[in-house]
Amino acid sequence: MNFLIKNYVNNLTKEQIDIFAKQNNVFLSPNELDFTYKFVKKNYSIILSNYKNFDFSKYKNYYSQENYIKIQNLLNMYAQKYSQFL
């Protein structure tokens, strides 16, 4: 499973992140998109392996207030949906 996720993230593009965000009513600024792309590429394995201790509030200043709330809600929703795998 980890190999599949690693392979997916390695091939992930900014455009894919932007499309996913827009599909979830999150409209990222160019700076927010750049930060999100770099953050996911660098930290996905840490987040997945230790999600319960992941503190997204540390990154609040990288997003508009509206986007921060929407992203936090998405993280919570997906954490609940896939909690048996995290």
N, C-alpha and C. Protein backbone atom coordinates (compact mmCIF):
# COMPACT_ATOMS: atom_id res chain seq x y z
N MET A 1 0.83 -1.20 0.00
CA MET A 1 0.00 0.00 0.00
C MET A 1 0.87 1.26 0.00
N ASN A 2 1.91 1.27 0.82
CA ASN A 2 2.78 2.45 0.89
C ASN A 2 3.45 2.72 -0.45
N PHE A 3 3.80 1.66 -1.17
CA PHE A 3 4.42 1.85 -2.48
C PHE A 3 3.46 2.55 -3.44
N LEU A 4 2.20 2.17 -3.41
CA LEU A 4 1.21 2.80 -4.29
C LEU A 4 1.05 4.28 -3.97
N ILE A 5 0.99 4.61 -2.69
CA ILE A 5 0.84 6.01 -2.29
C ILE A 5 2.09 6.79 -2.67
N LYS A 6 3.26 6.22 -2.40
CA LYS A 6 4.52 6.89 -2.75
C LYS A 6 4.59 7.16 -4.25
N ASN A 7 4.22 6.18 -5.04
CA ASN A 7 4.24 6.32 -6.49
C ASN A 7 3.26 7.40 -6.94
N TYR A 8 2.07 7.42 -6.34
CA TYR A 8 1.07 8.43 -6.69
C TYR A 8 1.58 9.83 -6.36
N VAL A 9 2.11 10.01 -5.16
CA VAL A 9 2.60 11.33 -4.74
C VAL A 9 3.78 11.76 -5.59
N ASN A 10 4.66 10.84 -5.94
CA ASN A 10 5.80 11.19 -6.79
C ASN A 10 5.36 11.73 -8.14
N ASN A 11 4.23 11.26 -8.62
CA ASN A 11 3.72 11.71 -9.92
C ASN A 11 2.68 12.82 -9.82
N LEU A 12 2.37 13.24 -8.62
CA LEU A 12 1.37 14.28 -8.40
C LEU A 12 1.84 15.62 -8.94
N THR A 13 0.92 16.34 -9.58
CA THR A 13 1.26 17.66 -10.13
C THR A 13 0.47 18.75 -9.41
N LYS A 14 0.94 19.97 -9.58
CA LYS A 14 0.21 21.11 -9.02
C LYS A 14 -1.19 21.19 -9.62
N GLU A 15 -1.29 20.88 -10.89
CA GLU A 15 -2.58 20.94 -11.55
C GLU A 15 -3.57 19.95 -10.92
N GLN A 16 -3.10 18.77 -10.57
CA GLN A 16 -3.98 17.78 -9.93
C GLN A 16 -4.45 18.27 -8.56
N ILE A 17 -3.55 18.89 -7.82
CA ILE A 17 -3.92 19.45 -6.52
C ILE A 17 -4.95 20.56 -6.71
N ASP A 18 -4.72 21.41 -7.69
CA ASP A 18 -5.65 22.51 -7.95
C ASP A 18 -7.03 21.99 -8.35
N ILE A 19 -7.07 20.98 -9.20
CA ILE A 19 -8.34 20.39 -9.62
C ILE A 19 -9.06 19.79 -8.42
N PHE A 20 -8.36 19.03 -7.60
CA PHE A 20 -8.96 18.43 -6.41
C PHE A 20 -9.50 19.52 -5.48
N ALA A 21 -8.73 20.56 -5.28
CA ALA A 21 -9.15 21.65 -4.41
C ALA A 21 -10.44 22.28 -4.94
N LYS A 22 -10.46 22.61 -6.22
CA LYS A 22 -11.64 23.24 -6.82
C LYS A 22 -12.86 22.34 -6.75
N GLN A 23 -12.66 21.03 -6.93
CA GLN A 23 -13.78 20.09 -6.83
C GLN A 23 -14.37 20.08 -5.42
N ASN A 24 -13.57 20.52 -4.45
CA ASN A 24 -14.01 20.57 -3.07
C ASN A 24 -14.25 22.00 -2.59
N ASN A 25 -14.46 22.89 -3.56
CA ASN A 25 -14.80 24.28 -3.27
C ASN A 25 -13.70 25.03 -2.52
N VAL A 26 -12.45 24.66 -2.78
CA VAL A 26 -11.30 25.36 -2.22
C VAL A 26 -10.57 25.98 -3.40
N PHE A 27 -10.50 27.30 -3.40
CA PHE A 27 -9.87 28.02 -4.50
C PHE A 27 -8.56 28.61 -4.00
N LEU A 28 -7.46 27.90 -4.29
CA LEU A 28 -6.15 28.26 -3.77
C LEU A 28 -5.53 29.39 -4.58
N SER A 29 -4.89 30.31 -3.87
CA SER A 29 -4.09 31.33 -4.54
C SER A 29 -2.84 30.65 -5.08
N PRO A 30 -2.10 31.30 -5.98
CA PRO A 30 -0.85 30.69 -6.46
C PRO A 30 0.12 30.35 -5.32
N ASN A 31 0.22 31.21 -4.31
CA ASN A 31 1.11 30.92 -3.19
C ASN A 31 0.62 29.74 -2.36
N GLU A 32 -0.69 29.67 -2.15
CA GLU A 32 -1.27 28.55 -1.41
C GLU A 32 -1.06 27.24 -2.16
N LEU A 33 -1.24 27.28 -3.46
CA LEU A 33 -1.03 26.09 -4.29
C LEU A 33 0.43 25.64 -4.23
N ASP A 34 1.36 26.57 -4.36
CA ASP A 34 2.79 26.23 -4.27
C ASP A 34 3.11 25.60 -2.92
N PHE A 35 2.62 26.22 -1.85
CA PHE A 35 2.89 25.69 -0.52
C PHE A 35 2.31 24.29 -0.36
N THR A 36 1.07 24.10 -0.79
CA THR A 36 0.39 22.81 -0.66
C THR A 36 1.12 21.73 -1.43
N TYR A 37 1.52 22.05 -2.65
CA TYR A 37 2.25 21.09 -3.48
C TYR A 37 3.54 20.65 -2.80
N LYS A 38 4.34 21.61 -2.38
CA LYS A 38 5.62 21.29 -1.74
C LYS A 38 5.41 20.55 -0.42
N PHE A 39 4.40 20.97 0.32
CA PHE A 39 4.11 20.34 1.61
C PHE A 39 3.72 18.88 1.44
N VAL A 40 2.82 18.62 0.52
CA VAL A 40 2.37 17.24 0.29
C VAL A 40 3.53 16.37 -0.18
N LYS A 41 4.30 16.87 -1.12
CA LYS A 41 5.44 16.10 -1.64
C LYS A 41 6.43 15.75 -0.52
N LYS A 42 6.67 16.69 0.36
CA LYS A 42 7.68 16.50 1.40
C LYS A 42 7.15 15.72 2.62
N ASN A 43 5.89 15.90 2.97
CA ASN A 43 5.39 15.41 4.26
C ASN A 43 4.31 14.34 4.23
N TYR A 44 3.93 13.88 3.06
CA TYR A 44 2.80 12.94 3.01
C TYR A 44 3.01 11.70 3.88
N SER A 45 4.20 11.14 3.89
CA SER A 45 4.42 9.90 4.64
C SER A 45 4.36 10.12 6.14
N ILE A 46 4.84 11.27 6.59
CA ILE A 46 4.78 11.59 8.02
C ILE A 46 3.32 11.76 8.45
N ILE A 47 2.55 12.45 7.64
CA ILE A 47 1.14 12.68 7.96
C ILE A 47 0.38 11.35 8.00
N LEU A 48 0.59 10.51 7.01
CA LEU A 48 -0.13 9.24 6.96
C LEU A 48 0.26 8.31 8.10
N SER A 49 1.52 8.31 8.47
CA SER A 49 1.98 7.39 9.51
C SER A 49 1.65 7.88 10.92
N ASN A 50 1.37 9.17 11.04
CA ASN A 50 1.14 9.73 12.38
C ASN A 50 0.01 10.75 12.35
N TYR A 51 -1.08 10.42 11.66
CA TYR A 51 -2.13 11.41 11.43
C TYR A 51 -2.76 11.93 12.72
N LYS A 52 -2.95 11.08 13.69
CA LYS A 52 -3.62 11.49 14.92
C LYS A 52 -2.85 12.59 15.65
N ASN A 53 -1.56 12.67 15.43
CA ASN A 53 -0.74 13.70 16.06
C ASN A 53 -0.41 14.86 15.12
N PHE A 54 -0.94 14.81 13.91
CA PHE A 54 -0.68 15.87 12.93
C PHE A 54 -1.45 17.13 13.31
N ASP A 55 -0.73 18.24 13.43
CA ASP A 55 -1.34 19.51 13.85
C ASP A 55 -1.32 20.48 12.67
N PHE A 56 -2.43 20.52 11.94
CA PHE A 56 -2.53 21.38 10.77
C PHE A 56 -2.53 22.86 11.14
N SER A 57 -2.87 23.18 12.37
CA SER A 57 -2.95 24.59 12.79
C SER A 57 -1.60 25.30 12.66
N LYS A 58 -0.52 24.55 12.66
CA LYS A 58 0.81 25.16 12.48
C LYS A 58 0.96 25.82 11.11
N TYR A 59 0.11 25.44 10.18
CA TYR A 59 0.21 25.92 8.80
C TYR A 59 -0.89 26.92 8.45
N LYS A 60 -1.60 27.38 9.47
CA LYS A 60 -2.73 28.29 9.28
C LYS A 60 -2.34 29.56 8.53
N ASN A 61 -1.16 30.07 8.78
CA ASN A 61 -0.72 31.32 8.18
C ASN A 61 -0.38 31.20 6.69
N TYR A 62 -0.35 30.00 6.19
CA TYR A 62 -0.05 29.80 4.77
C TYR A 62 -1.31 29.86 3.90
N TYR A 63 -2.47 29.97 4.54
CA TYR A 63 -3.74 29.96 3.83
C TYR A 63 -4.63 31.12 4.27
N SER A 64 -5.52 31.51 3.38
CA SER A 64 -6.55 32.46 3.79
C SER A 64 -7.40 31.78 4.86
N GLN A 65 -8.09 32.56 5.66
CA GLN A 65 -8.91 31.99 6.72
C GLN A 65 -9.96 31.04 6.13
N GLU A 66 -10.59 31.46 5.05
CA GLU A 66 -11.62 30.65 4.41
C GLU A 66 -11.05 29.31 3.92
N ASN A 67 -9.90 29.35 3.24
CA ASN A 67 -9.31 28.12 2.74
C ASN A 67 -8.80 27.23 3.87
N TYR A 68 -8.25 27.84 4.91
CA TYR A 68 -7.78 27.05 6.05
C TYR A 68 -8.94 26.23 6.64
N ILE A 69 -10.07 26.86 6.84
CA ILE A 69 -11.23 26.17 7.42
C ILE A 69 -11.70 25.04 6.50
N LYS A 70 -11.77 25.33 5.20
CA LYS A 70 -12.22 24.31 4.25
C LYS A 70 -11.25 23.13 4.19
N ILE A 71 -9.96 23.42 4.20
CA ILE A 71 -8.96 22.35 4.16
C ILE A 71 -8.98 21.54 5.45
N GLN A 72 -9.13 22.21 6.57
CA GLN A 72 -9.22 21.50 7.85
C GLN A 72 -10.43 20.56 7.85
N ASN A 73 -11.54 21.03 7.33
CA ASN A 73 -12.74 20.19 7.24
C ASN A 73 -12.52 18.99 6.31
N LEU A 74 -11.84 19.21 5.20
CA LEU A 74 -11.52 18.11 4.29
C LEU A 74 -10.61 17.08 4.97
N LEU A 75 -9.60 17.56 5.67
CA LEU A 75 -8.70 16.65 6.38
C LEU A 75 -9.46 15.81 7.38
N ASN A 76 -10.35 16.43 8.12
CA ASN A 76 -11.15 15.70 9.10
C ASN A 76 -12.07 14.68 8.43
N MET A 77 -12.69 15.09 7.34
CA MET A 77 -13.61 14.21 6.63
C MET A 77 -12.87 12.96 6.11
N TYR A 78 -11.72 13.19 5.46
CA TYR A 78 -10.97 12.06 4.91
C TYR A 78 -10.34 11.22 6.02
N ALA A 79 -9.97 11.83 7.12
CA ALA A 79 -9.43 11.06 8.24
C ALA A 79 -10.48 10.11 8.79
N GLN A 80 -11.72 10.59 8.89
CA GLN A 80 -12.81 9.72 9.36
C GLN A 80 -13.11 8.63 8.34
N LYS A 81 -13.14 9.02 7.09
CA LYS A 81 -13.49 8.08 6.03
C LYS A 81 -12.46 6.95 5.90
N TYR A 82 -11.18 7.30 6.08
CA TYR A 82 -10.11 6.32 5.90
C TYR A 82 -9.37 5.98 7.19
N SER A 83 -9.99 6.22 8.33
CA SER A 83 -9.33 6.02 9.62
C SER A 83 -8.84 4.59 9.81
N GLN A 84 -9.53 3.63 9.24
CA GLN A 84 -9.10 2.24 9.40
C GLN A 84 -7.80 1.95 8.67
N PHE A 85 -7.42 2.83 7.72
CA PHE A 85 -6.20 2.64 6.96
C PHE A 85 -5.05 3.51 7.46
N LEU A 86 -5.36 4.49 8.33
CA LEU A 86 -4.34 5.42 8.82
C LEU A 86 -3.68 4.90 10.08
